[in-house]
Amino acid sequence: MFTAASRYHGIDVARYEPPGGGDPIPYVRRRLLPDPGSLTPLGLHTVTEADRLDRIAAAAFGDPELFWRIADANPALDPEELTARPGRRLLIALSAAAAGSVRGF
Protein backbone atom coordinates (compact mmCIF):
# COMPACT_ATOMS: atom_id res chain seq x y z
CA MET A 1 0.00 0.00 0.00
CA PHE A 2 2.85 2.40 0.84
CA THR A 3 6.23 2.71 -0.88
CA ALA A 4 9.39 1.63 0.94
CA ALA A 5 10.27 5.31 1.50
CA SER A 6 7.00 6.04 3.29
CA ARG A 7 6.92 6.45 7.06
CA TYR A 8 3.89 4.12 6.96
CA HIS A 9 5.63 1.30 5.05
CA GLY A 10 5.14 -1.94 6.96
CA ILE A 11 2.33 -0.60 9.16
CA ASP A 12 -0.71 -2.85 9.16
CA VAL A 13 -3.95 -1.77 7.54
CA ALA A 14 -7.01 -2.64 9.61
CA ARG A 15 -10.73 -2.44 8.85
CA TYR A 16 -13.40 -0.80 10.92
CA GLU A 17 -16.71 -2.60 10.71
CA PRO A 18 -19.49 -0.07 11.34
CA PRO A 19 -22.10 -1.28 13.83
CA GLY A 20 -25.29 -2.28 12.10
CA GLY A 21 -23.59 -3.02 8.80
CA GLY A 22 -22.31 -0.81 6.03
CA ASP A 23 -19.08 -0.87 4.10
CA PRO A 24 -15.94 -1.60 6.14
CA ILE A 25 -13.57 1.35 6.41
CA PRO A 26 -9.86 0.61 6.00
CA TYR A 27 -7.37 2.57 8.10
CA VAL A 28 -3.67 2.50 8.87
CA ARG A 29 -2.84 1.44 12.40
CA ARG A 30 -1.04 3.86 14.68
CA ARG A 31 2.62 4.51 13.90
CA LEU A 32 4.87 4.77 16.94
CA LEU A 33 8.10 6.74 16.85
CA PRO A 34 11.25 4.66 16.95
CA ASP A 35 13.28 4.39 20.14
CA PRO A 36 16.02 7.05 19.79
CA GLY A 37 18.59 4.51 21.01
CA SER A 38 17.79 2.24 18.05
CA LEU A 39 18.64 4.87 15.42
CA THR A 40 21.88 4.83 13.44
CA PRO A 41 23.43 8.33 13.51
CA LEU A 42 24.72 9.62 10.18
CA GLY A 43 25.74 13.09 11.28
CA LEU A 44 24.57 16.47 12.51
CA HIS A 45 23.15 19.42 10.63
CA THR A 46 23.33 22.98 11.94
CA VAL A 47 20.16 24.85 11.02
CA THR A 48 20.53 28.06 8.99
CA GLU A 49 18.00 30.83 8.36
CA ALA A 50 16.83 29.37 5.03
CA ASP A 51 16.62 25.72 6.09
CA ARG A 52 13.53 23.56 5.69
CA LEU A 53 13.23 19.89 6.60
CA ASP A 54 12.62 18.86 3.01
CA ARG A 55 15.82 20.58 1.85
CA ILE A 56 17.85 19.04 4.67
CA ALA A 57 16.41 15.60 3.80
CA ALA A 58 17.26 16.09 0.12
CA ALA A 59 20.88 16.83 1.04
CA ALA A 60 21.13 14.03 3.61
CA PHE A 61 19.12 11.26 1.97
CA GLY A 62 18.76 12.31 -1.66
CA ASP A 63 14.98 12.56 -1.27
CA PRO A 64 13.07 15.53 0.19
CA GLU A 65 10.12 13.29 1.05
CA LEU A 66 12.24 11.57 3.71
CA PHE A 67 11.98 14.67 5.95
CA TRP A 68 10.10 12.51 8.45
CA ARG A 69 13.32 10.63 9.26
CA ILE A 70 14.78 13.88 10.58
CA ALA A 71 11.60 14.57 12.54
CA ASP A 72 11.75 11.06 14.05
CA ALA A 73 15.35 11.59 15.19
CA ASN A 74 14.62 15.03 16.68
CA PRO A 75 11.24 14.79 18.42
CA ALA A 76 9.15 17.96 18.50
CA LEU A 77 5.42 18.57 18.76
CA ASP A 78 5.54 20.60 15.55
CA PRO A 79 8.17 19.66 12.92
CA GLU A 80 8.52 23.34 11.98
CA GLU A 81 10.10 23.87 15.43
CA LEU A 82 13.12 21.92 14.19
CA THR A 83 14.17 24.65 11.75
CA ALA A 84 12.76 27.68 13.58
CA ARG A 85 15.98 28.53 15.42
CA PRO A 86 19.16 29.02 13.37
CA GLY A 87 22.11 27.36 15.07
CA ARG A 88 20.11 24.39 16.33
CA ARG A 89 21.85 21.10 15.65
CA LEU A 90 19.71 18.34 14.19
CA LEU A 91 20.59 14.68 14.37
CA ILE A 92 20.50 12.98 10.98
CA ALA A 93 19.80 9.30 11.64
CA LEU A 94 18.21 6.17 10.26
CA SER A 95 16.21 3.36 11.77
CA ALA A 96 17.98 0.02 11.87
CA ALA A 97 15.80 -1.18 8.97
CA ALA A 98 16.79 1.78 6.79
CA ALA A 99 20.46 2.03 7.74
CA GLY A 100 21.76 0.48 4.52
CA SER A 101 19.13 1.90 2.16
CA VAL A 102 20.29 5.49 1.55
CA ARG A 103 23.47 7.33 0.78
CA GLY A 104 25.47 8.86 3.64
CA PHE A 105 25.22 12.44 4.81
C-alpha atoms as a PDB file:
ATOM      1  CA  MET A   1       0.000   0.000   0.000  1.00  0.00           C
ATOM      2  CA  PHE A   2       2.850   2.404   0.842  1.00  0.00           C
ATOM      3  CA  THR A   3       6.232   2.711  -0.878  1.00  0.00           C
ATOM      4  CA  ALA A   4       9.386   1.627   0.938  1.00  0.00           C
ATOM      5  CA  ALA A   5      10.267   5.312   1.500  1.00  0.00           C
ATOM      6  CA  SER A   6       6.998   6.042   3.293  1.00  0.00           C
ATOM      7  CA  ARG A   7       6.918   6.450   7.061  1.00  0.00           C
ATOM      8  CA  TYR A   8       3.893   4.122   6.957  1.00  0.00           C
ATOM      9  CA  HIS A   9       5.626   1.297   5.049  1.00  0.00           C
ATOM     10  CA  GLY A  10       5.137  -1.937   6.958  1.00  0.00           C
ATOM     11  CA  ILE A  11       2.331  -0.595   9.160  1.00  0.00           C
ATOM     12  CA  ASP A  12      -0.708  -2.852   9.156  1.00  0.00           C
ATOM     13  CA  VAL A  13      -3.952  -1.775   7.543  1.00  0.00           C
ATOM     14  CA  ALA A  14      -7.011  -2.643   9.606  1.00  0.00           C
ATOM     15  CA  ARG A  15     -10.729  -2.441   8.847  1.00  0.00           C
ATOM     16  CA  TYR A  16     -13.402  -0.797  10.921  1.00  0.00           C
ATOM     17  CA  GLU A  17     -16.707  -2.603  10.705  1.00  0.00           C
ATOM     18  CA  PRO A  18     -19.489  -0.066  11.343  1.00  0.00           C
ATOM     19  CA  PRO A  19     -22.095  -1.278  13.828  1.00  0.00           C
ATOM     20  CA  GLY A  20     -25.292  -2.279  12.101  1.00  0.00           C
ATOM     21  CA  GLY A  21     -23.586  -3.016   8.800  1.00  0.00           C
ATOM     22  CA  GLY A  22     -22.308  -0.809   6.026  1.00  0.00           C
ATOM     23  CA  ASP A  23     -19.083  -0.869   4.103  1.00  0.00           C
ATOM     24  CA  PRO A  24     -15.941  -1.596   6.137  1.00  0.00           C
ATOM     25  CA  ILE A  25     -13.574   1.354   6.414  1.00  0.00           C
ATOM     26  CA  PRO A  26      -9.857   0.611   6.003  1.00  0.00           C
ATOM     27  CA  TYR A  27      -7.371   2.571   8.101  1.00  0.00           C
ATOM     28  CA  VAL A  28      -3.670   2.497   8.867  1.00  0.00           C
ATOM     29  CA  ARG A  29      -2.838   1.436  12.398  1.00  0.00           C
ATOM     30  CA  ARG A  30      -1.039   3.857  14.678  1.00  0.00           C
ATOM     31  CA  ARG A  31       2.616   4.506  13.901  1.00  0.00           C
ATOM     32  CA  LEU A  32       4.866   4.768  16.941  1.00  0.00           C
ATOM     33  CA  LEU A  33       8.099   6.744  16.850  1.00  0.00           C
ATOM     34  CA  PRO A  34      11.255   4.661  16.948  1.00  0.00           C
ATOM     35  CA  ASP A  35      13.281   4.386  20.141  1.00  0.00           C
ATOM     36  CA  PRO A  36      16.016   7.054  19.794  1.00  0.00           C
ATOM     37  CA  GLY A  37      18.586   4.512  21.006  1.00  0.00           C
ATOM     38  CA  SER A  38      17.793   2.244  18.055  1.00  0.00           C
ATOM     39  CA  LEU A  39      18.641   4.874  15.421  1.00  0.00           C
ATOM     40  CA  THR A  40      21.882   4.826  13.445  1.00  0.00           C
ATOM     41  CA  PRO A  41      23.432   8.327  13.509  1.00  0.00           C
ATOM     42  CA  LEU A  42      24.717   9.619  10.182  1.00  0.00           C
ATOM     43  CA  GLY A  43      25.744  13.093  11.276  1.00  0.00           C
ATOM     44  CA  LEU A  44      24.570  16.468  12.513  1.00  0.00           C
ATOM     45  CA  HIS A  45      23.150  19.421  10.632  1.00  0.00           C
ATOM     46  CA  THR A  46      23.335  22.981  11.944  1.00  0.00           C
ATOM     47  CA  VAL A  47      20.159  24.855  11.018  1.00  0.00           C
ATOM     48  CA  THR A  48      20.530  28.065   8.988  1.00  0.00           C
ATOM     49  CA  GLU A  49      17.998  30.828   8.365  1.00  0.00           C
ATOM     50  CA  ALA A  50      16.834  29.375   5.029  1.00  0.00           C
ATOM     51  CA  ASP A  51      16.623  25.719   6.091  1.00  0.00           C
ATOM     52  CA  ARG A  52      13.532  23.557   5.689  1.00  0.00           C
ATOM     53  CA  LEU A  53      13.233  19.888   6.605  1.00  0.00           C
ATOM     54  CA  ASP A  54      12.620  18.855   3.009  1.00  0.00           C
ATOM     55  CA  ARG A  55      15.818  20.575   1.854  1.00  0.00           C
ATOM     56  CA  ILE A  56      17.849  19.042   4.665  1.00  0.00           C
ATOM     57  CA  ALA A  57      16.408  15.601   3.798  1.00  0.00           C
ATOM     58  CA  ALA A  58      17.262  16.088   0.123  1.00  0.00           C
ATOM     59  CA  ALA A  59      20.878  16.828   1.044  1.00  0.00           C
ATOM     60  CA  ALA A  60      21.129  14.030   3.615  1.00  0.00           C
ATOM     61  CA  PHE A  61      19.123  11.256   1.970  1.00  0.00           C
ATOM     62  CA  GLY A  62      18.761  12.309  -1.664  1.00  0.00           C
ATOM     63  CA  ASP A  63      14.979  12.556  -1.270  1.00  0.00           C
ATOM     64  CA  PRO A  64      13.071  15.528   0.194  1.00  0.00           C
ATOM     65  CA  GLU A  65      10.120  13.289   1.051  1.00  0.00           C
ATOM     66  CA  LEU A  66      12.241  11.572   3.709  1.00  0.00           C
ATOM     67  CA  PHE A  67      11.979  14.671   5.947  1.00  0.00           C
ATOM     68  CA  TRP A  68      10.098  12.505   8.454  1.00  0.00           C
ATOM     69  CA  ARG A  69      13.323  10.632   9.264  1.00  0.00           C
ATOM     70  CA  ILE A  70      14.784  13.880  10.585  1.00  0.00           C
ATOM     71  CA  ALA A  71      11.601  14.565  12.544  1.00  0.00           C
ATOM     72  CA  ASP A  72      11.753  11.058  14.053  1.00  0.00           C
ATOM     73  CA  ALA A  73      15.351  11.586  15.188  1.00  0.00           C
ATOM     74  CA  ASN A  74      14.619  15.032  16.678  1.00  0.00           C
ATOM     75  CA  PRO A  75      11.242  14.790  18.421  1.00  0.00           C
ATOM     76  CA  ALA A  76       9.149  17.956  18.495  1.00  0.00           C
ATOM     77  CA  LEU A  77       5.421  18.572  18.757  1.00  0.00           C
ATOM     78  CA  ASP A  78       5.544  20.600  15.549  1.00  0.00           C
ATOM     79  CA  PRO A  79       8.173  19.662  12.921  1.00  0.00           C
ATOM     80  CA  GLU A  80       8.522  23.345  11.983  1.00  0.00           C
ATOM     81  CA  GLU A  81      10.105  23.870  15.428  1.00  0.00           C
ATOM     82  CA  LEU A  82      13.120  21.920  14.185  1.00  0.00           C
ATOM     83  CA  THR A  83      14.171  24.647  11.751  1.00  0.00           C
ATOM     84  CA  ALA A  84      12.756  27.681  13.577  1.00  0.00           C
ATOM     85  CA  ARG A  85      15.980  28.526  15.416  1.00  0.00           C
ATOM     86  CA  PRO A  86      19.162  29.024  13.366  1.00  0.00           C
ATOM     87  CA  GLY A  87      22.105  27.362  15.068  1.00  0.00           C
ATOM     88  CA  ARG A  88      20.112  24.392  16.334  1.00  0.00           C
ATOM     89  CA  ARG A  89      21.852  21.097  15.651  1.00  0.00           C
ATOM     90  CA  LEU A  90      19.711  18.338  14.194  1.00  0.00           C
ATOM     91  CA  LEU A  91      20.586  14.683  14.372  1.00  0.00           C
ATOM     92  CA  ILE A  92      20.497  12.977  10.983  1.00  0.00           C
ATOM     93  CA  ALA A  93      19.805   9.302  11.642  1.00  0.00           C
ATOM     94  CA  LEU A  94      18.208   6.166  10.260  1.00  0.00           C
ATOM     95  CA  SER A  95      16.209   3.360  11.768  1.00  0.00           C
ATOM     96  CA  ALA A  96      17.976   0.017  11.875  1.00  0.00           C
ATOM     97  CA  ALA A  97      15.798  -1.183   8.969  1.00  0.00           C
ATOM     98  CA  ALA A  98      16.791   1.780   6.785  1.00  0.00           C
ATOM     99  CA  ALA A  99      20.465   2.034   7.737  1.00  0.00           C
ATOM    100  CA  GLY A 100      21.755   0.484   4.521  1.00  0.00           C
ATOM    101  CA  SER A 101      19.133   1.896   2.156  1.00  0.00           C
ATOM    102  CA  VAL A 102      20.288   5.493   1.555  1.00  0.00           C
ATOM    103  CA  ARG A 103      23.471   7.330   0.782  1.00  0.00           C
ATOM    104  CA  GLY A 104      25.467   8.859   3.638  1.00  0.00           C
ATOM    105  CA  PHE A 105      25.219  12.436   4.812  1.00  0.00           C
END
